[in-house]
Amino acid sequence: FILMVFGFVLGGGGNPVVSPLVGPG
């Protein structure tokens, strides 16, 4: 619960989430 709530409140939120599917290799 703590990680879910504060992750969204305090996190930056600028990282990719749905792409790309896989990385090189």
PDB file of all heavy atoms in Angstrom:
ATOM      1  N   PHE A   1       0.833  -1.206   0.000  1.00  0.00           N
ATOM      2  CA  PHE A   1       0.000   0.000   0.000  1.00  0.00           C
ATOM      3  C   PHE A   1       0.866   1.254   0.000  1.00  0.00           C
ATOM      4  O   PHE A   1       0.623   2.205  -0.761  1.00  0.00           O
ATOM      5  CB  PHE A   1      -0.925  -0.017   1.225  1.00  0.00           C
ATOM      6  CG  PHE A   1      -1.805   1.191   1.339  1.00  0.00           C
ATOM      7  CD1 PHE A   1      -2.931   1.316   0.543  1.00  0.00           C
ATOM      8  CD2 PHE A   1      -1.506   2.212   2.233  1.00  0.00           C
ATOM      9  CE1 PHE A   1      -3.748   2.434   0.637  1.00  0.00           C
ATOM     10  CE2 PHE A   1      -2.310   3.325   2.338  1.00  0.00           C
ATOM     11  CZ  PHE A   1      -3.435   3.439   1.540  1.00  0.00           C
ATOM     12  N   ILE A   2       1.900   1.275   0.846  1.00  0.00           N
ATOM     13  CA  ILE A   2       2.755   2.461   0.948  1.00  0.00           C
ATOM     14  C   ILE A   2       3.479   2.730  -0.374  1.00  0.00           C
ATOM     15  O   ILE A   2       3.541   3.872  -0.849  1.00  0.00           O
ATOM     16  CB  ILE A   2       3.771   2.274   2.093  1.00  0.00           C
ATOM     17  CG1 ILE A   2       3.046   2.317   3.443  1.00  0.00           C
ATOM     18  CG2 ILE A   2       4.858   3.358   2.041  1.00  0.00           C
ATOM     19  CD1 ILE A   2       3.939   2.015   4.632  1.00  0.00           C
ATOM     20  N   LEU A   3       4.017   1.671  -0.980  1.00  0.00           N
ATOM     21  CA  LEU A   3       4.762   1.852  -2.227  1.00  0.00           C
ATOM     22  C   LEU A   3       3.846   2.307  -3.362  1.00  0.00           C
ATOM     23  O   LEU A   3       4.237   3.133  -4.200  1.00  0.00           O
ATOM     24  CB  LEU A   3       5.473   0.555  -2.609  1.00  0.00           C
ATOM     25  CG  LEU A   3       6.669   0.174  -1.726  1.00  0.00           C
ATOM     26  CD1 LEU A   3       7.181  -1.213  -2.099  1.00  0.00           C
ATOM     27  CD2 LEU A   3       7.778   1.204  -1.850  1.00  0.00           C
ATOM     28  N   MET A   4       2.624   1.789  -3.398  1.00  0.00           N
ATOM     29  CA  MET A   4       1.691   2.195  -4.452  1.00  0.00           C
ATOM     30  C   MET A   4       1.319   3.669  -4.309  1.00  0.00           C
ATOM     31  O   MET A   4       1.361   4.434  -5.269  1.00  0.00           O
ATOM     32  CB  MET A   4       0.428   1.325  -4.416  1.00  0.00           C
ATOM     33  CG  MET A   4       0.563   0.021  -5.164  1.00  0.00           C
ATOM     34  SD  MET A   4      -1.026  -0.814  -5.414  1.00  0.00           S
ATOM     35  CE  MET A   4      -1.415  -1.344  -3.761  1.00  0.00           C
ATOM     36  N   VAL A   5       0.959   4.085  -3.100  1.00  0.00           N
ATOM     37  CA  VAL A   5       0.494   5.454  -2.892  1.00  0.00           C
ATOM     38  C   VAL A   5       1.634   6.462  -3.091  1.00  0.00           C
ATOM     39  O   VAL A   5       1.532   7.397  -3.899  1.00  0.00           O
ATOM     40  CB  VAL A   5      -0.120   5.608  -1.485  1.00  0.00           C
ATOM     41  CG1 VAL A   5      -0.426   7.088  -1.199  1.00  0.00           C
ATOM     42  CG2 VAL A   5      -1.386   4.779  -1.376  1.00  0.00           C
ATOM     43  N   PHE A   6       2.737   6.233  -2.374  1.00  0.00           N
ATOM     44  CA  PHE A   6       3.808   7.227  -2.404  1.00  0.00           C
ATOM     45  C   PHE A   6       4.648   7.143  -3.678  1.00  0.00           C
ATOM     46  O   PHE A   6       5.305   8.122  -4.047  1.00  0.00           O
ATOM     47  CB  PHE A   6       4.686   7.074  -1.163  1.00  0.00           C
ATOM     48  CG  PHE A   6       4.020   7.563   0.091  1.00  0.00           C
ATOM     49  CD1 PHE A   6       3.343   6.677   0.919  1.00  0.00           C
ATOM     50  CD2 PHE A   6       4.038   8.903   0.423  1.00  0.00           C
ATOM     51  CE1 PHE A   6       2.718   7.124   2.069  1.00  0.00           C
ATOM     52  CE2 PHE A   6       3.411   9.366   1.569  1.00  0.00           C
ATOM     53  CZ  PHE A   6       2.747   8.473   2.396  1.00  0.00           C
ATOM     54  N   GLY A   7       4.614   5.976  -4.345  1.00  0.00           N
ATOM     55  CA  GLY A   7       5.300   5.890  -5.628  1.00  0.00           C
ATOM     56  C   GLY A   7       4.730   6.870  -6.637  1.00  0.00           C
ATOM     57  O   GLY A   7       5.476   7.545  -7.358  1.00  0.00           O
ATOM     58  N   PHE A   8       3.388   6.996  -6.655  1.00  0.00           N
ATOM     59  CA  PHE A   8       2.752   7.921  -7.589  1.00  0.00           C
ATOM     60  C   PHE A   8       2.850   9.369  -7.105  1.00  0.00           C
ATOM     61  O   PHE A   8       2.957  10.299  -7.899  1.00  0.00           O
ATOM     62  CB  PHE A   8       1.288   7.542  -7.798  1.00  0.00           C
ATOM     63  CG  PHE A   8       1.097   6.275  -8.577  1.00  0.00           C
ATOM     64  CD1 PHE A   8       0.505   5.166  -7.999  1.00  0.00           C
ATOM     65  CD2 PHE A   8       1.545   6.165  -9.884  1.00  0.00           C
ATOM     66  CE1 PHE A   8       0.329   3.991  -8.711  1.00  0.00           C
ATOM     67  CE2 PHE A   8       1.381   4.993 -10.605  1.00  0.00           C
ATOM     68  CZ  PHE A   8       0.773   3.901 -10.017  1.00  0.00           C
ATOM     69  N   VAL A   9       2.800   9.555  -5.767  1.00  0.00           N
ATOM     70  CA  VAL A   9       2.817  10.917  -5.226  1.00  0.00           C
ATOM     71  C   VAL A   9       4.207  11.540  -5.327  1.00  0.00           C
ATOM     72  O   VAL A   9       4.365  12.704  -5.720  1.00  0.00           O
ATOM     73  CB  VAL A   9       2.339  10.909  -3.761  1.00  0.00           C
ATOM     74  CG1 VAL A   9       2.526  12.290  -3.127  1.00  0.00           C
ATOM     75  CG2 VAL A   9       0.876  10.492  -3.685  1.00  0.00           C
ATOM     76  N   LEU A  10       5.237  10.741  -4.993  1.00  0.00           N
ATOM     77  CA  LEU A  10       6.589  11.280  -4.908  1.00  0.00           C
ATOM     78  C   LEU A  10       7.465  10.946  -6.112  1.00  0.00           C
ATOM     79  O   LEU A  10       8.524  11.548  -6.285  1.00  0.00           O
ATOM     80  CB  LEU A  10       7.278  10.762  -3.632  1.00  0.00           C
ATOM     81  CG  LEU A  10       6.579  11.071  -2.305  1.00  0.00           C
ATOM     82  CD1 LEU A  10       7.353  10.448  -1.146  1.00  0.00           C
ATOM     83  CD2 LEU A  10       6.443  12.584  -2.108  1.00  0.00           C
ATOM     84  N   GLY A  11       7.027   9.993  -6.936  1.00  0.00           N
ATOM     85  CA  GLY A  11       7.838   9.594  -8.088  1.00  0.00           C
ATOM     86  C   GLY A  11       7.805  10.631  -9.198  1.00  0.00           C
ATOM     87  O   GLY A  11       6.892  11.468  -9.280  1.00  0.00           O
ATOM     88  N   GLY A  12       8.798  10.551 -10.075  1.00  0.00           N
ATOM     89  CA  GLY A  12       8.877  11.532 -11.166  1.00  0.00           C
ATOM     90  C   GLY A  12       7.876  11.292 -12.267  1.00  0.00           C
ATOM     91  O   GLY A  12       7.309  12.227 -12.828  1.00  0.00           O
ATOM     92  N   GLY A  13       7.633  10.043 -12.618  1.00  0.00           N
ATOM     93  CA  GLY A  13       6.628   9.710 -13.618  1.00  0.00           C
ATOM     94  C   GLY A  13       7.029   9.956 -15.050  1.00  0.00           C
ATOM     95  O   GLY A  13       6.183   9.922 -15.934  1.00  0.00           O
ATOM     96  N   GLY A  14       8.301  10.184 -15.312  1.00  0.00           N
ATOM     97  CA  GLY A  14       8.700  10.462 -16.687  1.00  0.00           C
ATOM     98  C   GLY A  14       9.300   9.275 -17.408  1.00  0.00           C
ATOM     99  O   GLY A  14       9.785   9.417 -18.536  1.00  0.00           O
ATOM    100  N   ASN A  15       9.275   8.089 -16.811  1.00  0.00           N
ATOM    101  CA  ASN A  15       9.891   6.911 -17.424  1.00  0.00           C
ATOM    102  C   ASN A  15       8.915   6.200 -18.350  1.00  0.00           C
ATOM    103  O   ASN A  15       7.705   6.197 -18.113  1.00  0.00           O
ATOM    104  CB  ASN A  15      10.354   5.942 -16.333  1.00  0.00           C
ATOM    105  CG  ASN A  15      11.296   6.595 -15.337  1.00  0.00           C
ATOM    106  OD1 ASN A  15      12.154   7.376 -15.723  1.00  0.00           O
ATOM    107  ND2 ASN A  15      11.122   6.289 -14.060  1.00  0.00           N
ATOM    108  N   PRO A  16       9.401   5.545 -19.422  1.00  0.00           N
ATOM    109  CA  PRO A  16       8.511   4.788 -20.304  1.00  0.00           C
ATOM    110  C   PRO A  16       7.866   3.629 -19.570  1.00  0.00           C
ATOM    111  O   PRO A  16       8.481   3.017 -18.691  1.00  0.00           O
ATOM    112  CB  PRO A  16       9.442   4.308 -21.423  1.00  0.00           C
ATOM    113  CG  PRO A  16      10.818   4.391 -20.861  1.00  0.00           C
ATOM    114  CD  PRO A  16      10.802   5.503 -19.879  1.00  0.00           C
ATOM    115  N   VAL A  17       6.629   3.310 -19.966  1.00  0.00           N
ATOM    116  CA  VAL A  17       5.858   2.282 -19.272  1.00  0.00           C
ATOM    117  C   VAL A  17       5.430   1.152 -20.206  1.00  0.00           C
ATOM    118  O   VAL A  17       5.483  -0.025 -19.826  1.00  0.00           O
ATOM    119  CB  VAL A  17       4.606   2.905 -18.613  1.00  0.00           C
ATOM    120  CG1 VAL A  17       3.697   1.828 -18.048  1.00  0.00           C
ATOM    121  CG2 VAL A  17       5.014   3.878 -17.519  1.00  0.00           C
ATOM    122  N   VAL A  18       5.008   1.472 -21.429  1.00  0.00           N
ATOM    123  CA  VAL A  18       4.450   0.452 -22.321  1.00  0.00           C
ATOM    124  C   VAL A  18       5.302   0.186 -23.555  1.00  0.00           C
ATOM    125  O   VAL A  18       5.016  -0.733 -24.328  1.00  0.00           O
ATOM    126  CB  VAL A  18       3.021   0.826 -22.756  1.00  0.00           C
ATOM    127  CG1 VAL A  18       2.096   0.843 -21.553  1.00  0.00           C
ATOM    128  CG2 VAL A  18       3.000   2.173 -23.468  1.00  0.00           C
ATOM    129  N   SER A  19       6.331   0.962 -23.768  1.00  0.00           N
ATOM    130  CA  SER A  19       7.176   0.744 -24.934  1.00  0.00           C
ATOM    131  C   SER A  19       8.617   1.107 -24.586  1.00  0.00           C
ATOM    132  O   SER A  19       8.851   1.948 -23.715  1.00  0.00           O
ATOM    133  CB  SER A  19       6.686   1.577 -26.119  1.00  0.00           C
ATOM    134  OG  SER A  19       6.826   2.968 -25.829  1.00  0.00           O
ATOM    135  N   PRO A  20       9.586   0.456 -25.244  1.00  0.00           N
ATOM    136  CA  PRO A  20       9.404  -0.624 -26.214  1.00  0.00           C
ATOM    137  C   PRO A  20       9.042  -1.949 -25.526  1.00  0.00           C
ATOM    138  O   PRO A  20       9.187  -2.079 -24.319  1.00  0.00           O
ATOM    139  CB  PRO A  20      10.766  -0.708 -26.882  1.00  0.00           C
ATOM    140  CG  PRO A  20      11.721  -0.272 -25.816  1.00  0.00           C
ATOM    141  CD  PRO A  20      11.013   0.791 -25.032  1.00  0.00           C
ATOM    142  N   LEU A  21       8.577  -2.916 -26.341  1.00  0.00           N
ATOM    143  CA  LEU A  21       8.233  -4.228 -25.793  1.00  0.00           C
ATOM    144  C   LEU A  21       9.468  -4.919 -25.245  1.00  0.00           C
ATOM    145  O   LEU A  21       9.471  -5.430 -24.116  1.00  0.00           O
ATOM    146  CB  LEU A  21       7.581  -5.108 -26.868  1.00  0.00           C
ATOM    147  CG  LEU A  21       6.074  -4.983 -27.061  1.00  0.00           C
ATOM    148  CD1 LEU A  21       5.617  -5.940 -28.143  1.00  0.00           C
ATOM    149  CD2 LEU A  21       5.318  -5.254 -25.766  1.00  0.00           C
ATOM    150  N   VAL A  22      10.520  -5.007 -26.041  1.00  0.00           N
ATOM    151  CA  VAL A  22      11.769  -5.648 -25.619  1.00  0.00           C
ATOM    152  C   VAL A  22      12.940  -4.756 -26.024  1.00  0.00           C
ATOM    153  O   VAL A  22      12.824  -3.932 -26.933  1.00  0.00           O
ATOM    154  CB  VAL A  22      11.940  -7.061 -26.229  1.00  0.00           C
ATOM    155  CG1 VAL A  22      10.875  -8.005 -25.719  1.00  0.00           C
ATOM    156  CG2 VAL A  22      11.915  -7.004 -27.747  1.00  0.00           C
ATOM    157  N   GLY A  23      14.065  -4.955 -25.333  1.00  0.00           N
ATOM    158  CA  GLY A  23      15.246  -4.180 -25.622  1.00  0.00           C
ATOM    159  C   GLY A  23      16.120  -4.846 -26.672  1.00  0.00           C
ATOM    160  O   GLY A  23      15.805  -5.945 -27.169  1.00  0.00           O
ATOM    161  N   PRO A  24      17.236  -4.234 -27.038  1.00  0.00           N
ATOM    162  CA  PRO A  24      18.144  -4.812 -28.027  1.00  0.00           C
ATOM    163  C   PRO A  24      18.652  -6.183 -27.580  1.00  0.00           C
ATOM    164  O   PRO A  24      19.018  -6.383 -26.427  1.00  0.00           O
ATOM    165  CB  PRO A  24      19.294  -3.790 -28.080  1.00  0.00           C
ATOM    166  CG  PRO A  24      18.717  -2.520 -27.542  1.00  0.00           C
ATOM    167  CD  PRO A  24      17.695  -2.922 -26.538  1.00  0.00           C
ATOM    168  N   GLY A  25      18.639  -7.135 -28.515  1.00  0.00           N
ATOM    169  CA  GLY A  25      19.157  -8.462 -28.233  1.00  0.00           C
ATOM    170  C   GLY A  25      18.156  -9.413 -27.621  1.00  0.00           C
ATOM    171  O   GLY A  25      18.450 -10.612 -27.455  1.00  0.00           O
TER     172      GLY A  25
END
